Amino acid sequence: MARLASLALAHLLVRLRPLHRALRVASARRAAATERLIAAGAAGDAITPGHVTAVLDQLEDLVAHVAFSTGPAALGDDEVGIEADLRARGAAAGGRLPLDALASDLGLTPFELEALTLCAAPELDRDYELAFGFVLDAPRRRRPDVDLLAGLTAASLLERIARRAALAPHGALRRMGLIQLDPTEPAPGGFVLTPAASAYLLSGDGAPRDLFHDRDSVDLTAAVASPESVPDVDPHRFAQLIAALRRGDVAVVAAFTPRPGARRDIAVAIARALDRPLRRWSPDGDAVACASVLHAVLWLDVEGDVAEPIIERLASAAVPVVVTGAHPWRAPRLLEARGYAELAVIAPSHAARAAAWQHALPELAPGQARDLAARYRFAGREIRAAAAVARTSARLLTNGEIVTPARCVDDACATVARAGSPRHAAVITPRRDPGDLVLEPELRARVADIAAFARARARVDDAWGFAQRLTGGGGVKALFAGESGTGKTLAAEVVAGELGLAMLKVDLSQVTSKWVGETEKNLAAVFAEAEDCHAVLFFDEADALFGSRADIRHGSDRYANLEVSYLLQRFDDYAGVAILATNLRDKIDAAFTRRFHFVLAFPRPAENQRRQMWSRVFPPATPVSPDLDLAWLARLDLTGAGITAAAETASLLAMRDGAPSVTMAHLVRAIARQFQREARVLGPAQLAPHAHLLRDGA
């Protein structure tokens, strides 16, 4: 890199040579002009008739459109050769000369490179400041200003005017953060390199696209291809508004949704349909003027109160404006002054999501696209992000065989869905499958129906029209009731696994609060987190939150009932899969019970089910003695959770004892401890015929 830095400096000095020659010519011209003014009777700051006559004589060339400058800063033949050699040495060093890289990557013009070089001169030697002050006839000026940069080598008045425009705030040099006005100079001020530009020109470290960019410009190339690929808007309404924007009947289009990605997609789709650039509103500079000069659409994403000067500026502007926000914002002054229309942001239909999936990943089979659309309520940016992750994963997995993104899309969806880190719930990645679910056949089938209903829900709502009959958000809700350890959490995990979704287990200690209104606030965050994660929402011990409303006898009863009422409304609006588990079904408010698609009772396992549980409770890697008495184990009244806990305790006992495997002796002692934990007594009749194992080992 040190070698590239020396080449960068050498190249900058070569490019400075013709500008140095131009400064000599400009300095001589300034000296001659000063002599003429003195000869005409100019006296200090006073303006004399002779002074005016001399000045008008100097302006004859301007009004006659005669070239008034030195012409383009062309390199001499020897300098062209030096530059070619520097480029060859730079390529051999594995890099590019900074000025060449800026021209290639940022599309800078020869004049813009010339302006950068002239602004860099004082960085090389401070004496250039004296030269600038003399040429500008402004002793206090130390930096090249618009007049000097635009006129030093301009061959005509037209070129000089065009160069001045290139140095305006909307010009590439200032928009991309290469030059800026020197705040220490008297108004209107000269230009200096930004610290990043100075460092890059002198070292060549970094890539121009990483170092310099137009922060207010929105990239349109990697976003939506058409309004049809934005599943949040009605394409017919969208087309109407675009036609109205082109005619001038509408100047401001508003769209409001809490999803930031959807807001951006809508703004991008409007700009692309109008074939214009898109620029964000920025408090720095005049965003309206910049958008107007660049023939761009101006995008204002409202996050809070908007100051009156901004509203007034938008009201008096002529550029098309897109207003978005998480919540509606309608300024009467803006609505009064300009043609205003709103684009309704609708919940993406299943068909629209499937089409967006198919557009983002053409490799998907139609059935796979429909299934993804049913399981994940992704839209717009999330779908494109999942497609990009799937393509990356496919490239990484290729090892002598062709791996398509379609094979990786489920894992990609899980990655995108877990973009955030929930604060009020634990994210559980399902590891259990239906084979781990030991239940009566009918109950097991009902659990499987939950996942099947969730897959079918979107199509039933959209294609068959049931969404028009619903007052809530739809989704699938289930209540699991039964004693602790009977498999409620396991069943919820199996449902999530069948859908390919994570499970969000709500931590009640993080949700409930003694402070008025705080519980509702936390509940809102829980549902928002579940929607963002596209997860199965699981409430354990749900009776603590979803309990029956009480008669109002104390002030606290009123607030408790408000919490339940809020929860009822939010639960009804939730469009995903929500599962509640409770040990006390009768404590659940009846208003919630009516909203469940499934109310499943989980009884304690029967003997045949316990035998199945014991036969598969140990992981394959666990060494287990072949003489386990499964018939005796199955007769003991334990739940699935109790069996798992006893098997784990037995394994720990075996490891402690240094035994080669888990034996019946370890199991008998572990079961005795499990009964103690459950505050139950393991009597002699239950222990027979293995009571001696407990006496010998306890």
Foldseek 3Di string as FASTA:
>chain_A
DVVLLVLLVVLLVLLCVLLVVLLVVLLVVLVVLVVQLVVQPDDPPDCDPSNVVSVVVLCPCQVVFAFDEAADSDGDPVSVVVNVVSQVVQVVVVAGRLLVLCCVVVVDDPLVSSLLSQLCVCVVPQVVQCSCCSSVVHRQGRAAALCCSLRSHDRTPVSSVVSSVLVPCLHQCNQFQQKDFDPVGDPPGHIHGGPLNNVCSSGVPDHSVVSTDRVFWDDLPLFDPAVLQFLFFDNVVLVVVLVCVVVQLAQEEEEEAQDPLSLVNSQSNSFVSNVATEGEDDPPDDPLVSCVVRVHEYEYEDDDDDDPVVLVSLLPGDHRYYYYYNDDDDDPSNVVRGHYDYTYTHQRALVSQLVSLCVLFVVDDSVLSSQCSLLASDGTPLSNQLSVVLVVVQVVPDDPDRRGSSVVSLVSNQCQLPVDDADFWDKAQQDDALVLDQDDVVLSVVLVVLLVCSSCFRCCCPVVPCVVVAPAQAAAEEEEEADPQLCQVVSLSNSQVVSSAIETEGDVVSQDDPDQPRNLVSVVSLLVSCNSSSHAYEYEQCLVQQFAQDDDPDPVSVSSVVSNVSVLRSVRHRHYHYYYYHHCVVRGHVSVVVVHPYYHYRYADALVSQLVLLVPLDPPVAAADPPDPSNLRSVDRDHSVLSNQLVVQQSVVCVVVVHPHRYVLSSVCSNCVSCVVVVHHCDPVSCPPPVVSNVVPD
